[in-house]
Amino acid sequence: MAGKPGMHLVDGRWTTILETAELLGVTPQQIYNQIHHKRCGLQAVVNMIRENLVLNGQGYTAHRFMVDGRWMTVRQASEMLGVPASALHHWRYNHRDAQGRPATLADAVEAYRENRVKHGGSERVQHRVGNKTVTVFDAAEKLGVSVNAIRLHMYRHKVGLAATIRYYEQRKLKKAEKNILAILRGN
């Protein structure tokens, strides 16, 4: 039988665990678990949740780091920056200190804020076409085909960018001739 919900004094007013959970944006079961595991009252659990000492939306095992004077997890930092959490993990492990330890989360956040983190591969390759240098991206834009189509043609036929451009220009010319003949025939 369900009885009357217990009232607890939180922040100077009497409230239930259900109401407190709704205010904090957690489930009542998470609050009950914290009360049980930490062996404390509702006010103490509320304070720990507000100060980001428990839960953090990730359970009990999330590591917290000091960033900008606040304790936060990698997931919270990634949401704040708008990047995947795995990107922060990779940056930390690729930038180690003198003792070989991964960089701090604060260093990773600072690097992302200062735009020191570069994404993507290498510089675009300049191909010689006639007396000009052209990238695959420029050629694709000029020809009206995708970059993948150009690269696929270059790979399958073992030719360079110049031969691929000639192929697509001839193909466009043949298509135009075919369309003109279709118009003249009245199709």
C-alpha atoms as a PDB file:
ATOM      1  CA  MET A   1       0.000   0.000   0.000  1.00  0.00           C
ATOM      2  CA  ALA A   2       1.253   3.379  -0.937  1.00  0.00           C
ATOM      3  CA  GLY A   3       1.206   5.874   1.850  1.00  0.00           C
ATOM      4  CA  LYS A   4       1.555   9.576   2.070  1.00  0.00           C
ATOM      5  CA  PRO A   5       4.898  10.773   0.569  1.00  0.00           C
ATOM      6  CA  GLY A   6       7.508  11.784   3.122  1.00  0.00           C
ATOM      7  CA  MET A   7       8.205  15.472   3.499  1.00  0.00           C
ATOM      8  CA  HIS A   8      11.796  16.725   3.692  1.00  0.00           C
ATOM      9  CA  LEU A   9      13.176  20.149   4.513  1.00  0.00           C
ATOM     10  CA  VAL A  10      15.131  21.381   1.464  1.00  0.00           C
ATOM     11  CA  ASP A  11      16.306  24.980   1.109  1.00  0.00           C
ATOM     12  CA  GLY A  12      14.012  26.120   3.892  1.00  0.00           C
ATOM     13  CA  ARG A  13      10.778  24.597   2.582  1.00  0.00           C
ATOM     14  CA  TRP A  14       9.073  21.249   2.920  1.00  0.00           C
ATOM     15  CA  THR A  15       9.038  19.149  -0.240  1.00  0.00           C
ATOM     16  CA  THR A  16       8.839  15.539  -1.427  1.00  0.00           C
ATOM     17  CA  ILE A  17      11.510  13.590  -3.248  1.00  0.00           C
ATOM     18  CA  LEU A  18       9.342  13.541  -6.381  1.00  0.00           C
ATOM     19  CA  GLU A  19       9.038  17.342  -6.444  1.00  0.00           C
ATOM     20  CA  THR A  20      12.765  17.741  -5.787  1.00  0.00           C
ATOM     21  CA  ALA A  21      13.624  15.335  -8.599  1.00  0.00           C
ATOM     22  CA  GLU A  22      11.477  17.302 -11.042  1.00  0.00           C
ATOM     23  CA  LEU A  23      13.165  20.564 -10.010  1.00  0.00           C
ATOM     24  CA  LEU A  24      16.665  19.112 -10.429  1.00  0.00           C
ATOM     25  CA  GLY A  25      15.919  17.264 -13.673  1.00  0.00           C
ATOM     26  CA  VAL A  26      16.769  13.817 -12.332  1.00  0.00           C
ATOM     27  CA  THR A  27      14.676  10.770 -11.565  1.00  0.00           C
ATOM     28  CA  PRO A  28      13.414  10.065  -8.042  1.00  0.00           C
ATOM     29  CA  GLN A  29      15.294   6.751  -8.144  1.00  0.00           C
ATOM     30  CA  GLN A  30      18.591   8.585  -8.692  1.00  0.00           C
ATOM     31  CA  ILE A  31      17.916  10.632  -5.565  1.00  0.00           C
ATOM     32  CA  TYR A  32      16.977   7.527  -3.555  1.00  0.00           C
ATOM     33  CA  ASN A  33      20.182   5.832  -4.755  1.00  0.00           C
ATOM     34  CA  GLN A  34      22.303   8.805  -3.680  1.00  0.00           C
ATOM     35  CA  ILE A  35      20.623   8.952  -0.257  1.00  0.00           C
ATOM     36  CA  HIS A  36      21.277   5.233   0.205  1.00  0.00           C
ATOM     37  CA  HIS A  37      24.868   5.109  -1.109  1.00  0.00           C
ATOM     38  CA  LYS A  38      26.060   8.376   0.438  1.00  0.00           C
ATOM     39  CA  ARG A  39      24.103   7.766   3.681  1.00  0.00           C
ATOM     40  CA  CYS A  40      22.921  11.348   3.920  1.00  0.00           C
ATOM     41  CA  GLY A  41      19.734  13.362   3.801  1.00  0.00           C
ATOM     42  CA  LEU A  42      17.888  14.924   0.877  1.00  0.00           C
ATOM     43  CA  GLN A  43      19.389  18.391   1.431  1.00  0.00           C
ATOM     44  CA  ALA A  44      22.927  16.988   1.165  1.00  0.00           C
ATOM     45  CA  VAL A  45      22.064  15.117  -2.041  1.00  0.00           C
ATOM     46  CA  VAL A  46      20.505  18.254  -3.539  1.00  0.00           C
ATOM     47  CA  ASN A  47      23.661  20.225  -2.714  1.00  0.00           C
ATOM     48  CA  MET A  48      25.904  17.526  -4.265  1.00  0.00           C
ATOM     49  CA  ILE A  49      23.831  17.453  -7.456  1.00  0.00           C
ATOM     50  CA  ARG A  50      23.914  21.250  -7.718  1.00  0.00           C
ATOM     51  CA  GLU A  51      27.678  21.359  -7.176  1.00  0.00           C
ATOM     52  CA  ASN A  52      28.164  18.635  -9.790  1.00  0.00           C
ATOM     53  CA  LEU A  53      29.680  16.205  -7.295  1.00  0.00           C
ATOM     54  CA  VAL A  54      27.342  13.315  -8.154  1.00  0.00           C
ATOM     55  CA  LEU A  55      25.458  12.009 -11.196  1.00  0.00           C
ATOM     56  CA  ASN A  56      26.501  14.484 -13.927  1.00  0.00           C
ATOM     57  CA  GLY A  57      24.106  12.586 -16.141  1.00  0.00           C
ATOM     58  CA  GLN A  58      26.650   9.786 -16.457  1.00  0.00           C
ATOM     59  CA  GLY A  59      26.409   7.635 -13.369  1.00  0.00           C
ATOM     60  CA  TYR A  60      28.987   7.093 -10.662  1.00  0.00           C
ATOM     61  CA  THR A  61      32.122   6.427 -12.733  1.00  0.00           C
ATOM     62  CA  ALA A  62      32.496   9.713 -14.628  1.00  0.00           C
ATOM     63  CA  HIS A  63      35.753  11.505 -13.886  1.00  0.00           C
ATOM     64  CA  ARG A  64      35.478  15.197 -13.204  1.00  0.00           C
ATOM     65  CA  PHE A  65      38.077  17.837 -14.071  1.00  0.00           C
ATOM     66  CA  MET A  66      38.444  21.471 -13.045  1.00  0.00           C
ATOM     67  CA  VAL A  67      37.701  23.707 -16.042  1.00  0.00           C
ATOM     68  CA  ASP A  68      37.139  27.453 -15.657  1.00  0.00           C
ATOM     69  CA  GLY A  69      36.686  27.085 -11.902  1.00  0.00           C
ATOM     70  CA  ARG A  70      33.974  24.408 -12.245  1.00  0.00           C
ATOM     71  CA  TRP A  71      34.091  20.650 -11.988  1.00  0.00           C
ATOM     72  CA  MET A  72      32.937  19.065 -15.230  1.00  0.00           C
ATOM     73  CA  THR A  73      33.124  15.802 -17.102  1.00  0.00           C
ATOM     74  CA  VAL A  74      34.471  15.278 -20.598  1.00  0.00           C
ATOM     75  CA  ARG A  75      30.909  14.914 -21.869  1.00  0.00           C
ATOM     76  CA  GLN A  76      29.863  18.228 -20.348  1.00  0.00           C
ATOM     77  CA  ALA A  77      32.930  19.955 -21.825  1.00  0.00           C
ATOM     78  CA  SER A  78      32.209  18.466 -25.243  1.00  0.00           C
ATOM     79  CA  GLU A  79      28.587  19.661 -25.106  1.00  0.00           C
ATOM     80  CA  MET A  80      29.789  23.120 -24.078  1.00  0.00           C
ATOM     81  CA  LEU A  81      32.227  23.281 -27.040  1.00  0.00           C
ATOM     82  CA  GLY A  82      29.959  21.526 -29.541  1.00  0.00           C
ATOM     83  CA  VAL A  83      32.505  18.810 -30.388  1.00  0.00           C
ATOM     84  CA  PRO A  84      32.350  15.042 -29.845  1.00  0.00           C
ATOM     85  CA  ALA A  85      33.659  13.733 -26.525  1.00  0.00           C
ATOM     86  CA  SER A  86      35.972  11.400 -28.439  1.00  0.00           C
ATOM     87  CA  ALA A  87      37.678  14.444 -30.001  1.00  0.00           C
ATOM     88  CA  LEU A  88      38.545  15.763 -26.538  1.00  0.00           C
ATOM     89  CA  HIS A  89      39.810  12.323 -25.481  1.00  0.00           C
ATOM     90  CA  HIS A  90      42.007  12.072 -28.590  1.00  0.00           C
ATOM     91  CA  TRP A  91      43.390  15.573 -28.141  1.00  0.00           C
ATOM     92  CA  ARG A  92      44.279  14.894 -24.505  1.00  0.00           C
ATOM     93  CA  TYR A  93      46.035  11.623 -25.251  1.00  0.00           C
ATOM     94  CA  ASN A  94      47.941  13.043 -28.241  1.00  0.00           C
ATOM     95  CA  HIS A  95      49.198  16.039 -26.232  1.00  0.00           C
ATOM     96  CA  ARG A  96      51.020  14.672 -23.202  1.00  0.00           C
ATOM     97  CA  ASP A  97      52.988  16.556 -20.570  1.00  0.00           C
ATOM     98  CA  ALA A  98      56.700  16.046 -19.741  1.00  0.00           C
ATOM     99  CA  GLN A  99      55.931  13.041 -17.498  1.00  0.00           C
ATOM    100  CA  GLY A 100      53.918  11.346 -20.265  1.00  0.00           C
ATOM    101  CA  ARG A 101      50.521  11.959 -18.692  1.00  0.00           C
ATOM    102  CA  PRO A 102      47.591  13.056 -20.884  1.00  0.00           C
ATOM    103  CA  ALA A 103      46.947  16.791 -21.026  1.00  0.00           C
ATOM    104  CA  THR A 104      44.335  18.230 -18.711  1.00  0.00           C
ATOM    105  CA  LEU A 105      40.789  18.796 -19.845  1.00  0.00           C
ATOM    106  CA  ALA A 106      41.267  22.518 -19.198  1.00  0.00           C
ATOM    107  CA  ASP A 107      44.130  22.539 -21.760  1.00  0.00           C
ATOM    108  CA  ALA A 108      41.942  20.738 -24.307  1.00  0.00           C
ATOM    109  CA  VAL A 109      39.061  23.184 -23.803  1.00  0.00           C
ATOM    110  CA  GLU A 110      41.464  26.120 -24.152  1.00  0.00           C
ATOM    111  CA  ALA A 111      42.924  24.676 -27.368  1.00  0.00           C
ATOM    112  CA  TYR A 112      39.451  24.321 -28.890  1.00  0.00           C
ATOM    113  CA  ARG A 113      38.447  27.827 -27.830  1.00  0.00           C
ATOM    114  CA  GLU A 114      41.607  29.307 -29.395  1.00  0.00           C
ATOM    115  CA  ASN A 115      41.032  27.324 -32.636  1.00  0.00           C
ATOM    116  CA  ARG A 116      44.408  25.599 -32.285  1.00  0.00           C
ATOM    117  CA  VAL A 117      42.816  22.250 -33.163  1.00  0.00           C
ATOM    118  CA  LYS A 118      42.916  21.582 -36.884  1.00  0.00           C
ATOM    119  CA  HIS A 119      40.588  19.037 -38.473  1.00  0.00           C
ATOM    120  CA  GLY A 120      40.981  17.262 -41.738  1.00  0.00           C
ATOM    121  CA  GLY A 121      43.808  15.739 -43.686  1.00  0.00           C
ATOM    122  CA  SER A 122      46.566  17.277 -45.717  1.00  0.00           C
ATOM    123  CA  GLU A 123      46.622  20.253 -48.056  1.00  0.00           C
ATOM    124  CA  ARG A 124      44.761  19.906 -51.351  1.00  0.00           C
ATOM    125  CA  VAL A 125      47.002  18.536 -54.085  1.00  0.00           C
ATOM    126  CA  GLN A 126      47.671  20.843 -57.030  1.00  0.00           C
ATOM    127  CA  HIS A 127      47.587  18.971 -60.379  1.00  0.00           C
ATOM    128  CA  ARG A 128      49.173  20.312 -63.543  1.00  0.00           C
ATOM    129  CA  VAL A 129      46.556  20.682 -66.286  1.00  0.00           C
ATOM    130  CA  GLY A 130      47.949  22.405 -69.376  1.00  0.00           C
ATOM    131  CA  ASN A 131      49.726  25.509 -68.149  1.00  0.00           C
ATOM    132  CA  LYS A 132      47.653  25.864 -64.939  1.00  0.00           C
ATOM    133  CA  THR A 133      47.517  24.101 -61.586  1.00  0.00           C
ATOM    134  CA  VAL A 134      44.089  22.843 -60.537  1.00  0.00           C
ATOM    135  CA  THR A 135      42.800  20.920 -57.527  1.00  0.00           C
ATOM    136  CA  VAL A 136      40.316  18.084 -57.815  1.00  0.00           C
ATOM    137  CA  PHE A 137      37.736  20.240 -56.013  1.00  0.00           C
ATOM    138  CA  ASP A 138      38.129  23.083 -58.533  1.00  0.00           C
ATOM    139  CA  ALA A 139      37.830  20.658 -61.450  1.00  0.00           C
ATOM    140  CA  ALA A 140      34.707  19.064 -59.984  1.00  0.00           C
ATOM    141  CA  GLU A 141      33.069  22.454 -59.557  1.00  0.00           C
ATOM    142  CA  LYS A 142      33.966  23.495 -63.097  1.00  0.00           C
ATOM    143  CA  LEU A 143      32.739  20.234 -64.653  1.00  0.00           C
ATOM    144  CA  GLY A 144      29.578  19.988 -62.561  1.00  0.00           C
ATOM    145  CA  VAL A 145      30.345  16.512 -61.189  1.00  0.00           C
ATOM    146  CA  SER A 146      31.213  15.300 -57.724  1.00  0.00           C
ATOM    147  CA  VAL A 147      34.730  15.096 -56.352  1.00  0.00           C
ATOM    148  CA  ASN A 148      34.228  11.378 -55.818  1.00  0.00           C
ATOM    149  CA  ALA A 149      33.318  10.879 -59.483  1.00  0.00           C
ATOM    150  CA  ILE A 150      36.570  12.506 -60.581  1.00  0.00           C
ATOM    151  CA  ARG A 151      38.676  10.549 -58.103  1.00  0.00           C
ATOM    152  CA  LEU A 152      36.947   7.302 -59.051  1.00  0.00           C
ATOM    153  CA  HIS A 153      37.603   7.886 -62.763  1.00  0.00           C
ATOM    154  CA  MET A 154      41.254   8.698 -62.041  1.00  0.00           C
ATOM    155  CA  TYR A 155      41.644   5.528 -59.989  1.00  0.00           C
ATOM    156  CA  ARG A 156      39.761   3.110 -62.260  1.00  0.00           C
ATOM    157  CA  HIS A 157      41.420   4.262 -65.484  1.00  0.00           C
ATOM    158  CA  LYS A 158      44.839   4.992 -63.932  1.00  0.00           C
ATOM    159  CA  VAL A 159      44.954   8.481 -65.437  1.00  0.00           C
ATOM    160  CA  GLY A 160      45.737  11.932 -64.125  1.00  0.00           C
ATOM    161  CA  LEU A 161      43.448  14.886 -63.595  1.00  0.00           C
ATOM    162  CA  ALA A 162      44.113  16.321 -67.074  1.00  0.00           C
ATOM    163  CA  ALA A 163      42.882  13.143 -68.799  1.00  0.00           C
ATOM    164  CA  THR A 164      39.871  12.991 -66.495  1.00  0.00           C
ATOM    165  CA  ILE A 165      38.928  16.587 -67.315  1.00  0.00           C
ATOM    166  CA  ARG A 166      39.190  15.809 -71.057  1.00  0.00           C
ATOM    167  CA  TYR A 167      36.973  12.728 -70.555  1.00  0.00           C
ATOM    168  CA  TYR A 168      34.230  14.692 -68.781  1.00  0.00           C
ATOM    169  CA  GLU A 169      34.391  17.557 -71.317  1.00  0.00           C
ATOM    170  CA  GLN A 170      34.031  15.089 -74.230  1.00  0.00           C
ATOM    171  CA  ARG A 171      31.193  13.367 -72.409  1.00  0.00           C
ATOM    172  CA  LYS A 172      29.419  16.694 -71.931  1.00  0.00           C
ATOM    173  CA  LEU A 173      29.939  17.519 -75.628  1.00  0.00           C
ATOM    174  CA  LYS A 174      28.495  14.153 -76.739  1.00  0.00           C
ATOM    175  CA  LYS A 175      25.496  14.622 -74.483  1.00  0.00           C
ATOM    176  CA  ALA A 176      24.866  18.090 -75.928  1.00  0.00           C
ATOM    177  CA  GLU A 177      25.073  16.714 -79.510  1.00  0.00           C
ATOM    178  CA  LYS A 178      22.654  13.925 -78.607  1.00  0.00           C
ATOM    179  CA  ASN A 179      20.182  16.430 -77.132  1.00  0.00           C
ATOM    180  CA  ILE A 180      20.388  18.645 -80.256  1.00  0.00           C
ATOM    181  CA  LEU A 181      19.748  15.670 -82.538  1.00  0.00           C
ATOM    182  CA  ALA A 182      16.791  14.631 -80.400  1.00  0.00           C
ATOM    183  CA  ILE A 183      15.311  18.116 -80.746  1.00  0.00           C
ATOM    184  CA  LEU A 184      15.824  18.114 -84.530  1.00  0.00           C
ATOM    185  CA  ARG A 185      14.169  14.714 -84.892  1.00  0.00           C
ATOM    186  CA  GLY A 186      11.216  15.948 -82.865  1.00  0.00           C
ATOM    187  CA  ASN A 187      11.498  13.344 -80.070  1.00  0.00           C
END
